[in-house]
């Protein structure tokens, strides 16, 4: 009998441990990794789960810089389940109650790579009809060619000129590979036209359509909610310079199951249409400065920033201007992920606006960066669409996009 009691006690204990671990995992996801409190105010936040917050000892506020040249202070508190078990440490950031102009208008994005980006290698047909692949297993997709035999390479034309200049001699290429600079040797071969080639497909710039999320009186802005990436390589572009331009949407390809759809547009590259520079291309958005042409933008409304702990599931809107007129369209926020595992996917929403669904099918490529509003505040920006269901999308919390570290 005692043996059975011990067995069932063991089963009960194991079940308790499983339930406890599941609760900790669930609560960890439900608790923000950061909360924001106005300077001078005490923390007064009630989570939807039974945890209490405890300020860590000897935890003085620490200065924190942001991409907007703001300096803030923050400190750490520990969340305890039932006031006993530590579940998560969260950062309390002291803020002044920021407000920004909401964007929503499409912008043309143009970036030049830092060096020449390799997107693949190929075979070269020689004059005698044989084939060679001089760069195979030497250069890799995602490499950036920085120099040839010590001479700097900034554009494709630089690379082509130096390859022709050196002929069939082995060339030492300095490349940036995943953040590390290394040197590799490649011997060009002549193609059937007598031109020397490395056997590599390369790119030195990239252009596309996105959406401006916010901007401030001083012209600083944030957009996209994700990085400018190369579609062939699938990685964030390492850029030397970048610019944003006026853009006109000329077509909409509706999203369908298995096909996310897209906005097609015309970017105006005249100097009068250059809105400003791109100074940072980060994993959660692009940042820069709008210059004198800021007056060309339709003035957005001024919104206070809503911090993640104050966002609720339920009705919200997104601002889009792809029709030439900025409008709000209804969405429903279905869930919030505070875990921080995927910064670009903290907000899960569904498009409920019949007009937007009729025009686009929901979220399409080019709408990334569209501001998300709730209760008269800006809460986030659109970042991704579900390939399987274009009415569903993800967004990033505006507090992350706005306060991203440099």
Protein backbone atom coordinates (compact mmCIF):
# COMPACT_ATOMS: atom_id res chain seq x y z
CA UNK A 1 0.00 0.00 0.00
CA UNK A 2 2.82 2.39 0.92
CA UNK A 3 4.40 1.55 -2.40
CA UNK A 4 1.24 2.75 -4.23
CA UNK A 5 1.08 5.92 -2.12
CA UNK A 6 4.70 6.71 -2.99
CA UNK A 7 3.99 6.03 -6.67
CA UNK A 8 0.97 8.35 -6.77
CA UNK A 9 2.81 11.00 -4.76
CA UNK A 10 5.56 10.82 -7.38
CA UNK A 11 3.02 11.16 -10.20
CA UNK A 12 1.39 14.10 -8.43
CA UNK A 13 4.76 15.77 -7.85
CA UNK A 14 5.78 15.30 -11.48
CA UNK A 15 2.43 16.72 -12.61
CA UNK A 16 2.91 19.70 -10.30
CA UNK A 17 6.36 20.34 -11.75
CA UNK A 18 5.04 20.18 -15.32
CA UNK A 19 2.18 22.56 -14.52
CA UNK A 20 4.57 24.90 -12.70
CA UNK A 21 7.07 24.96 -15.58
CA UNK A 22 4.25 25.54 -18.08
CA UNK A 23 2.94 28.39 -15.93
CA UNK A 24 6.41 29.95 -15.72
CA UNK A 25 6.82 29.68 -19.51
CA UNK A 26 3.35 31.15 -20.13
CA UNK A 27 3.84 33.96 -17.64
CA UNK A 28 7.29 34.74 -19.04
CA UNK A 29 5.67 35.26 -22.45
CA UNK A 30 2.85 37.33 -20.95
CA UNK A 31 5.14 39.72 -19.07
CA UNK A 32 6.88 42.51 -21.01
CA UNK A 33 10.67 42.45 -21.10
CA UNK A 34 10.45 46.23 -20.65
CA UNK A 35 7.89 48.56 -19.15
CA UNK A 36 7.92 52.32 -19.44
CA UNK A 37 7.19 54.74 -16.61
CA UNK A 38 7.15 58.52 -16.70
CA UNK A 39 10.09 59.94 -14.78
CA UNK A 40 9.14 60.75 -11.19
CA UNK A 41 6.18 58.34 -11.10
CA UNK A 42 6.09 55.09 -9.13
CA UNK A 43 5.51 51.77 -10.88
CA UNK A 44 1.77 51.11 -10.87
CA UNK A 45 1.18 48.26 -13.28
CA UNK A 46 -1.04 45.23 -12.83
CA UNK A 47 -0.15 42.17 -14.90
CA UNK A 48 -2.84 39.75 -16.01
CA UNK A 49 -0.99 36.95 -14.20
CA UNK A 50 -0.31 36.50 -10.44
CA UNK A 51 3.14 38.03 -10.20
CA UNK A 52 4.56 40.84 -8.12
CA UNK A 53 7.48 43.15 -8.94
CA UNK A 54 10.43 43.62 -6.65
CA UNK A 55 13.14 46.23 -7.23
CA UNK A 56 16.56 44.61 -7.06
CA UNK A 57 18.85 45.79 -4.29
CA UNK A 58 21.57 48.33 -5.11
CA UNK A 59 19.85 48.90 -8.45
CA UNK A 60 20.41 52.57 -9.26
CA UNK A 61 19.05 53.93 -12.55
CA UNK A 62 21.54 53.59 -15.43
CA UNK A 63 21.79 56.03 -18.35
CA UNK A 64 20.61 54.59 -21.67
CA UNK A 65 21.17 56.05 -25.16
CA UNK A 66 18.73 55.59 -28.04
CA UNK A 67 18.91 55.99 -31.80
CA UNK A 68 17.07 59.31 -31.44
CA UNK A 69 19.96 60.81 -29.45
CA UNK A 70 17.82 60.70 -26.29
CA UNK A 71 19.43 59.65 -23.03
CA UNK A 72 17.17 57.79 -20.62
CA UNK A 73 17.51 55.97 -17.36
CA UNK A 74 16.44 52.45 -16.55
CA UNK A 75 16.59 49.93 -13.74
CA UNK A 76 15.76 46.24 -13.24
CA UNK A 77 12.92 44.66 -11.27
CA UNK A 78 12.25 40.97 -10.63
CA UNK A 79 8.81 39.45 -11.21
CA UNK A 80 7.91 36.69 -8.73
CA UNK A 81 5.14 34.15 -9.20
CA UNK A 82 2.80 34.30 -6.18
CA UNK A 83 5.38 36.66 -4.69
CA UNK A 84 7.81 33.73 -4.19
CA UNK A 85 9.26 32.18 -7.35
CA UNK A 86 11.35 34.42 -9.64
CA UNK A 87 9.92 34.29 -13.18
CA UNK A 88 11.56 37.11 -15.10
CA UNK A 89 13.69 40.21 -14.74
CA UNK A 90 12.29 43.20 -16.59
CA UNK A 91 13.74 46.60 -17.38
CA UNK A 92 11.89 49.70 -16.22
CA UNK A 93 12.69 52.57 -18.59
CA UNK A 94 12.05 56.12 -17.39
CA UNK A 95 10.50 58.27 -20.14
CA UNK A 96 9.24 61.81 -20.61
CA UNK A 97 6.03 60.92 -22.45
CA UNK A 98 7.16 60.98 -26.09
CA UNK A 99 4.96 61.98 -29.03
CA UNK A 100 5.59 61.71 -32.78
CA UNK A 101 3.95 62.47 -36.11
CA UNK A 102 2.42 59.32 -37.58
CA UNK A 103 3.54 58.45 -41.10
CA UNK A 104 1.65 56.01 -43.28
CA UNK A 105 2.74 57.32 -46.65
CA UNK A 106 4.74 55.12 -49.07
CA UNK A 107 8.42 55.98 -49.52
CA UNK A 108 11.05 54.91 -52.00
CA UNK A 109 14.10 53.34 -50.35
CA UNK A 110 17.52 53.31 -52.01
CA UNK A 111 20.71 51.96 -50.42
CA UNK A 112 24.24 51.42 -51.68
CA UNK A 113 26.14 48.46 -50.30
CA UNK A 114 29.41 48.81 -48.38
CA UNK A 115 31.56 47.14 -50.99
CA UNK A 116 30.13 44.92 -53.73
CA UNK A 117 27.71 42.22 -52.56
CA UNK A 118 28.16 38.70 -53.93
CA UNK A 119 24.79 37.04 -54.56
CA UNK A 120 26.11 33.85 -56.14
CA UNK A 121 28.74 32.21 -58.37
CA UNK A 122 28.49 30.83 -61.89
CA UNK A 123 30.44 29.14 -64.65
CA UNK A 124 32.22 31.10 -67.38
CA UNK A 125 32.31 29.83 -70.96
CA UNK A 126 35.86 30.11 -72.31
CA UNK A 127 36.81 30.91 -75.93
CA UNK A 128 37.38 27.19 -76.61
CA UNK A 129 33.88 26.31 -75.39
CA UNK A 130 34.99 24.77 -72.08
CA UNK A 131 33.60 26.07 -68.80
CA UNK A 132 35.28 27.19 -65.60
CA UNK A 133 34.01 28.46 -62.27
CA UNK A 134 36.91 30.51 -60.83
CA UNK A 135 35.01 31.81 -57.77
CA UNK A 136 33.27 28.54 -56.86
CA UNK A 137 33.93 27.48 -53.22
CA UNK A 138 35.94 30.68 -52.76
CA UNK A 139 33.33 33.44 -52.79
CA UNK A 140 30.00 32.88 -51.05
CA UNK A 141 26.60 34.52 -51.31
CA UNK A 142 26.55 37.31 -48.73
CA UNK A 143 30.24 38.23 -49.08
CA UNK A 144 31.08 41.89 -49.62
CA UNK A 145 34.11 42.55 -51.86
CA UNK A 146 35.96 45.52 -50.33
CA UNK A 147 39.15 45.66 -52.40
CA UNK A 148 41.11 43.98 -55.21
CA UNK A 149 44.88 43.77 -54.72
CA UNK A 150 44.65 46.56 -52.16
CA UNK A 151 42.56 48.93 -54.31
CA UNK A 152 39.20 49.87 -52.83
CA UNK A 153 36.02 48.63 -54.50
CA UNK A 154 32.88 50.72 -54.04
CA UNK A 155 30.81 49.84 -57.13
CA UNK A 156 30.43 47.04 -59.68
CA UNK A 157 32.27 49.19 -62.22
CA UNK A 158 35.32 49.34 -59.90
CA UNK A 159 35.37 45.55 -59.69
CA UNK A 160 34.99 45.09 -63.45
CA UNK A 161 37.75 47.60 -64.18
CA UNK A 162 40.25 46.01 -61.79
CA UNK A 163 39.52 42.48 -63.05
CA UNK A 164 40.18 43.59 -66.64
CA UNK A 165 43.24 45.52 -65.60
CA UNK A 166 44.89 42.54 -63.90
CA UNK A 167 43.92 40.01 -66.57
CA UNK A 168 44.64 36.35 -65.84
CA UNK A 169 46.79 37.07 -62.79
CA UNK A 170 45.55 35.76 -59.46
CA UNK A 171 43.76 38.50 -57.56
CA UNK A 172 43.65 38.94 -53.81
CA UNK A 173 40.19 40.04 -52.75
CA UNK A 174 39.53 41.49 -49.33
CA UNK A 175 35.99 40.55 -48.36
CA UNK A 176 33.67 41.06 -45.43
CA UNK A 177 32.13 37.71 -44.54
CA UNK A 178 29.56 37.83 -41.75
CA UNK A 179 31.32 40.79 -40.12
CA UNK A 180 34.87 39.43 -40.42
CA UNK A 181 37.35 40.77 -42.98
CA UNK A 182 39.34 38.03 -44.74
CA UNK A 183 41.41 37.73 -47.92
CA UNK A 184 40.82 35.15 -50.65
CA UNK A 185 42.56 34.48 -53.96
CA UNK A 186 40.67 34.15 -57.26
CA UNK A 187 42.16 33.74 -60.74
CA UNK A 188 39.89 35.27 -63.45
CA UNK A 189 39.29 33.51 -66.75
CA UNK A 190 38.47 34.89 -70.18
CA UNK A 191 34.98 34.34 -71.53
CA UNK A 192 34.15 33.65 -75.18
CA UNK A 193 34.21 37.41 -75.87
CA UNK A 194 37.69 37.83 -74.42
CA UNK A 195 36.52 39.55 -71.22
CA UNK A 196 38.10 38.48 -67.93
CA UNK A 197 35.57 37.35 -65.34
CA UNK A 198 35.48 36.08 -61.76
CA UNK A 199 32.36 34.00 -62.29
CA UNK A 200 30.37 35.83 -59.62
CA UNK A 201 26.99 37.56 -59.64
CA UNK A 202 27.27 40.85 -57.75
CA UNK A 203 25.15 43.81 -56.68
CA UNK A 204 26.07 47.27 -55.36
CA UNK A 205 22.67 48.83 -54.63
CA UNK A 206 19.07 48.01 -53.79
CA UNK A 207 15.77 49.87 -54.16
CA UNK A 208 12.23 49.19 -53.02
CA UNK A 209 8.97 50.51 -51.59
CA UNK A 210 8.17 50.76 -47.89
CA UNK A 211 6.13 52.90 -45.50
CA UNK A 212 7.22 55.71 -43.19
CA UNK A 213 6.21 54.95 -39.60
CA UNK A 214 6.88 58.17 -37.67
CA UNK A 215 8.89 61.37 -37.72
CA UNK A 216 9.64 64.16 -35.27
CA UNK A 217 9.84 67.94 -35.47
CA UNK A 218 13.62 67.75 -35.92
CA UNK A 219 13.19 65.46 -38.94
CA UNK A 220 14.43 62.22 -37.37
CA UNK A 221 12.31 59.25 -38.44
CA UNK A 222 11.82 55.50 -38.24
CA UNK A 223 10.33 53.20 -40.88
CA UNK A 224 9.69 49.61 -42.02
CA UNK A 225 9.89 47.75 -38.69
CA UNK A 226 12.42 45.35 -40.21
CA UNK A 227 15.73 45.57 -42.05
CA UNK A 228 16.34 46.39 -45.70
CA UNK A 229 17.47 42.94 -46.85
CA UNK A 230 18.62 41.39 -50.10
CA UNK A 231 16.05 38.91 -51.35
CA UNK A 232 18.63 36.64 -53.01
CA UNK A 233 20.95 36.47 -50.01
CA UNK A 234 18.25 36.78 -47.34
CA UNK A 235 20.37 38.97 -45.08
CA UNK A 236 20.37 42.56 -43.87
CA UNK A 237 22.23 44.86 -46.26
CA UNK A 238 25.48 46.35 -45.01
CA UNK A 239 25.14 49.81 -46.50
CA UNK A 240 27.52 52.65 -47.19
CA UNK A 241 24.77 55.22 -47.76
CA UNK A 242 21.03 55.36 -48.24
CA UNK A 243 18.20 57.75 -49.11
CA UNK A 244 14.42 57.94 -48.95
CA UNK A 245 12.37 59.42 -51.79
CA UNK A 246 8.85 60.33 -52.71
CA UNK A 247 7.12 57.32 -54.24
CA UNK A 248 3.91 56.89 -56.20
CA UNK A 249 2.00 53.61 -55.97
CA UNK A 250 0.85 52.58 -59.44
CA UNK A 251 -0.51 49.10 -58.77
CA UNK A 252 -1.62 46.65 -56.10
CA UNK A 253 -1.24 42.90 -56.40
CA UNK A 254 -3.80 41.41 -54.00
CA UNK A 255 -2.61 38.90 -51.46
CA UNK A 256 -3.84 35.35 -51.77
CA UNK A 257 -3.17 32.11 -49.93
CA UNK A 258 0.46 31.21 -50.61
CA UNK A 259 1.12 34.57 -52.31
CA UNK A 260 1.43 37.65 -50.07
CA UNK A 261 0.87 40.27 -52.80
CA UNK A 262 2.67 43.60 -53.11
CA UNK A 263 2.50 47.30 -53.85
CA UNK A 264 4.23 48.31 -57.07
CA UNK A 265 5.38 51.88 -57.34
CA UNK A 266 7.50 54.46 -59.05
CA UNK A 267 10.33 56.05 -57.09
CA UNK A 268 11.14 59.63 -58.06
CA UNK A 269 14.93 59.94 -57.93
CA UNK A 270 15.14 63.66 -58.70
CA UNK A 271 16.86 65.73 -56.03
CA UNK A 272 13.61 67.61 -55.41
CA UNK A 273 11.99 64.30 -54.41
CA UNK A 274 14.72 63.15 -52.02
CA UNK A 275 13.15 63.27 -48.57
CA UNK A 276 16.30 62.54 -46.59
CA UNK A 277 19.00 60.07 -45.64
CA UNK A 278 19.08 56.57 -44.20
CA UNK A 279 21.66 56.56 -41.44
CA UNK A 280 21.00 53.14 -39.88
CA UNK A 281 19.68 49.87 -41.29
CA UNK A 282 18.85 47.68 -38.29
CA UNK A 283 17.01 44.41 -37.80
CA UNK A 284 13.94 46.31 -36.55
CA UNK A 285 13.84 49.23 -38.96
CA UNK A 286 15.62 52.01 -40.79
CA UNK A 287 16.42 55.37 -39.24
CA UNK A 288 17.61 58.68 -40.59
CA UNK A 289 16.89 62.35 -41.04
CA UNK A 290 14.34 64.04 -43.27
CA UNK A 291 15.86 67.22 -44.67
CA UNK A 292 14.35 70.35 -46.23
CA UNK A 293 11.88 68.33 -48.31
CA UNK A 294 9.98 67.32 -45.19
CA UNK A 295 7.43 69.95 -46.23
CA UNK A 296 6.54 67.69 -49.18
CA UNK A 297 5.13 65.09 -46.78
CA UNK A 298 1.47 65.28 -45.84
CA UNK A 299 1.54 66.42 -42.23
CA UNK A 300 0.59 63.54 -39.98
CA UNK A 301 -1.34 63.84 -36.74
CA UNK A 302 0.67 64.05 -33.53
CA UNK A 303 0.31 60.94 -31.34
CA UNK A 304 1.60 59.99 -27.93
CA UNK A 305 3.57 56.76 -27.90
CA UNK A 306 1.74 53.90 -26.20
CA UNK A 307 4.10 51.59 -24.36
CA UNK A 308 3.74 47.85 -24.65
CA UNK A 309 2.28 47.20 -21.21
CA UNK A 310 -0.67 49.47 -22.07
CA UNK A 311 -1.62 47.83 -25.39
CA UNK A 312 -4.77 45.72 -25.33
CA UNK A 313 -6.21 42.94 -27.44
CA UNK A 314 -9.14 44.19 -29.46
CA UNK A 315 -9.93 46.89 -32.04
CA UNK A 316 -7.17 49.07 -33.52
CA UNK A 317 -6.39 50.74 -36.85
CA UNK A 318 -3.51 51.03 -39.29
CA UNK A 319 -2.66 54.12 -41.34
CA UNK A 320 -1.97 53.53 -45.05
CA UNK A 321 -1.48 56.01 -47.86
CA UNK A 322 -1.00 53.79 -50.90
CA UNK A 323 -4.13 55.24 -52.59
CA UNK A 324 -2.59 58.72 -52.47
CA UNK A 325 -4.65 59.62 -49.41
CA UNK A 326 -3.77 58.65 -45.86
CA UNK A 327 -6.59 56.66 -44.27
CA UNK A 328 -7.19 54.52 -41.21
CA UNK A 329 -8.29 50.92 -41.70
CA UNK A 330 -9.75 48.67 -39.00
CA UNK A 331 -7.85 45.70 -37.57
CA UNK A 332 -8.29 43.42 -34.57
CA UNK A 333 -5.32 42.72 -32.29
CA UNK A 334 -5.56 39.01 -31.50
CA UNK A 335 -2.52 38.45 -29.26
CA UNK A 336 0.58 40.14 -27.82
CA UNK A 337 3.95 38.47 -27.32
CA UNK A 338 6.08 40.18 -24.70
CA UNK A 339 8.84 37.55 -24.68
CA UNK A 340 11.08 39.49 -27.05
CA UNK A 341 12.10 36.34 -28.93
CA UNK A 342 11.06 37.89 -32.26
CA UNK A 343 11.04 41.66 -31.88
CA UNK A 344 9.29 42.17 -35.23
CA UNK A 345 6.35 39.94 -34.24
CA UNK A 346 5.16 41.25 -30.90
CA UNK A 347 1.68 42.15 -32.19
CA UNK A 348 -0.51 39.62 -34.00
CA UNK A 349 -3.50 41.16 -35.77
CA UNK A 350 -6.20 40.49 -38.34
CA UNK A 351 -7.43 42.99 -40.94
CA UNK A 352 -11.18 43.46 -40.51
CA UNK A 353 -11.70 46.50 -42.73
CA UNK A 354 -13.79 45.43 -45.72
CA UNK A 355 -12.48 48.22 -47.94
CA UNK A 356 -8.84 47.29 -47.32
CA UNK A 357 -9.59 43.58 -47.78
CA UNK A 358 -11.29 44.36 -51.08
CA UNK A 359 -8.36 46.46 -52.35
CA UNK A 360 -5.39 44.41 -51.14
CA UNK A 361 -6.65 41.19 -49.55
CA UNK A 362 -5.13 42.43 -46.27
CA UNK A 363 -1.44 43.09 -45.76
CA UNK A 364 0.88 43.16 -48.79
CA UNK A 365 4.58 43.79 -49.32
CA UNK A 366 5.28 47.52 -49.26
CA UNK A 367 2.96 48.16 -46.30
CA UNK A 368 5.72 47.38 -43.81
CA UNK A 369 6.06 50.35 -41.48
CA UNK A 370 2.37 51.35 -41.56
CA UNK A 371 1.59 52.84 -38.12
CA UNK A 372 -0.78 50.97 -35.81
CA UNK A 373 -3.07 53.08 -33.60
CA UNK A 374 -5.20 52.25 -30.58
CA UNK A 375 -7.14 54.54 -28.24
CA UNK A 376 -5.71 57.66 -29.85
CA UNK A 377 -2.06 56.58 -29.46
CA UNK A 378 0.53 55.04 -31.76
CA UNK A 379 1.27 51.51 -30.56
CA UNK A 380 3.31 49.86 -33.32
CA UNK A 381 4.04 49.31 -36.99
CA UNK A 382 3.14 46.59 -39.49
CA UNK A 383 6.09 44.27 -40.25
CA UNK A 384 5.02 40.94 -41.79
CA UNK A 385 2.12 39.24 -43.51
CA UNK A 386 1.09 35.59 -43.19
CA UNK A 387 1.87 33.87 -46.50
CA UNK A 388 -0.97 31.44 -45.80
CA UNK A 389 -3.48 34.18 -44.94
CA UNK A 390 -2.92 37.74 -46.13
CA UNK A 391 -5.58 39.07 -43.77
CA UNK A 392 -3.24 38.24 -40.88
CA UNK A 393 -0.15 40.22 -40.02
CA UNK A 394 2.49 40.95 -37.42
CA UNK A 395 3.59 44.26 -35.96
CA UNK A 396 6.43 45.59 -33.84
CA UNK A 397 5.84 47.56 -30.64
CA UNK A 398 6.42 51.27 -31.33
CA UNK A 399 8.46 51.57 -28.13
CA UNK A 400 11.03 49.16 -29.62
CA UNK A 401 11.13 50.89 -32.98
CA UNK A 402 11.33 54.32 -31.35
CA UNK A 403 13.90 53.56 -28.66
CA UNK A 404 16.12 51.10 -30.56
CA UNK A 405 19.76 51.50 -29.42
CA UNK A 406 22.26 52.79 -31.97
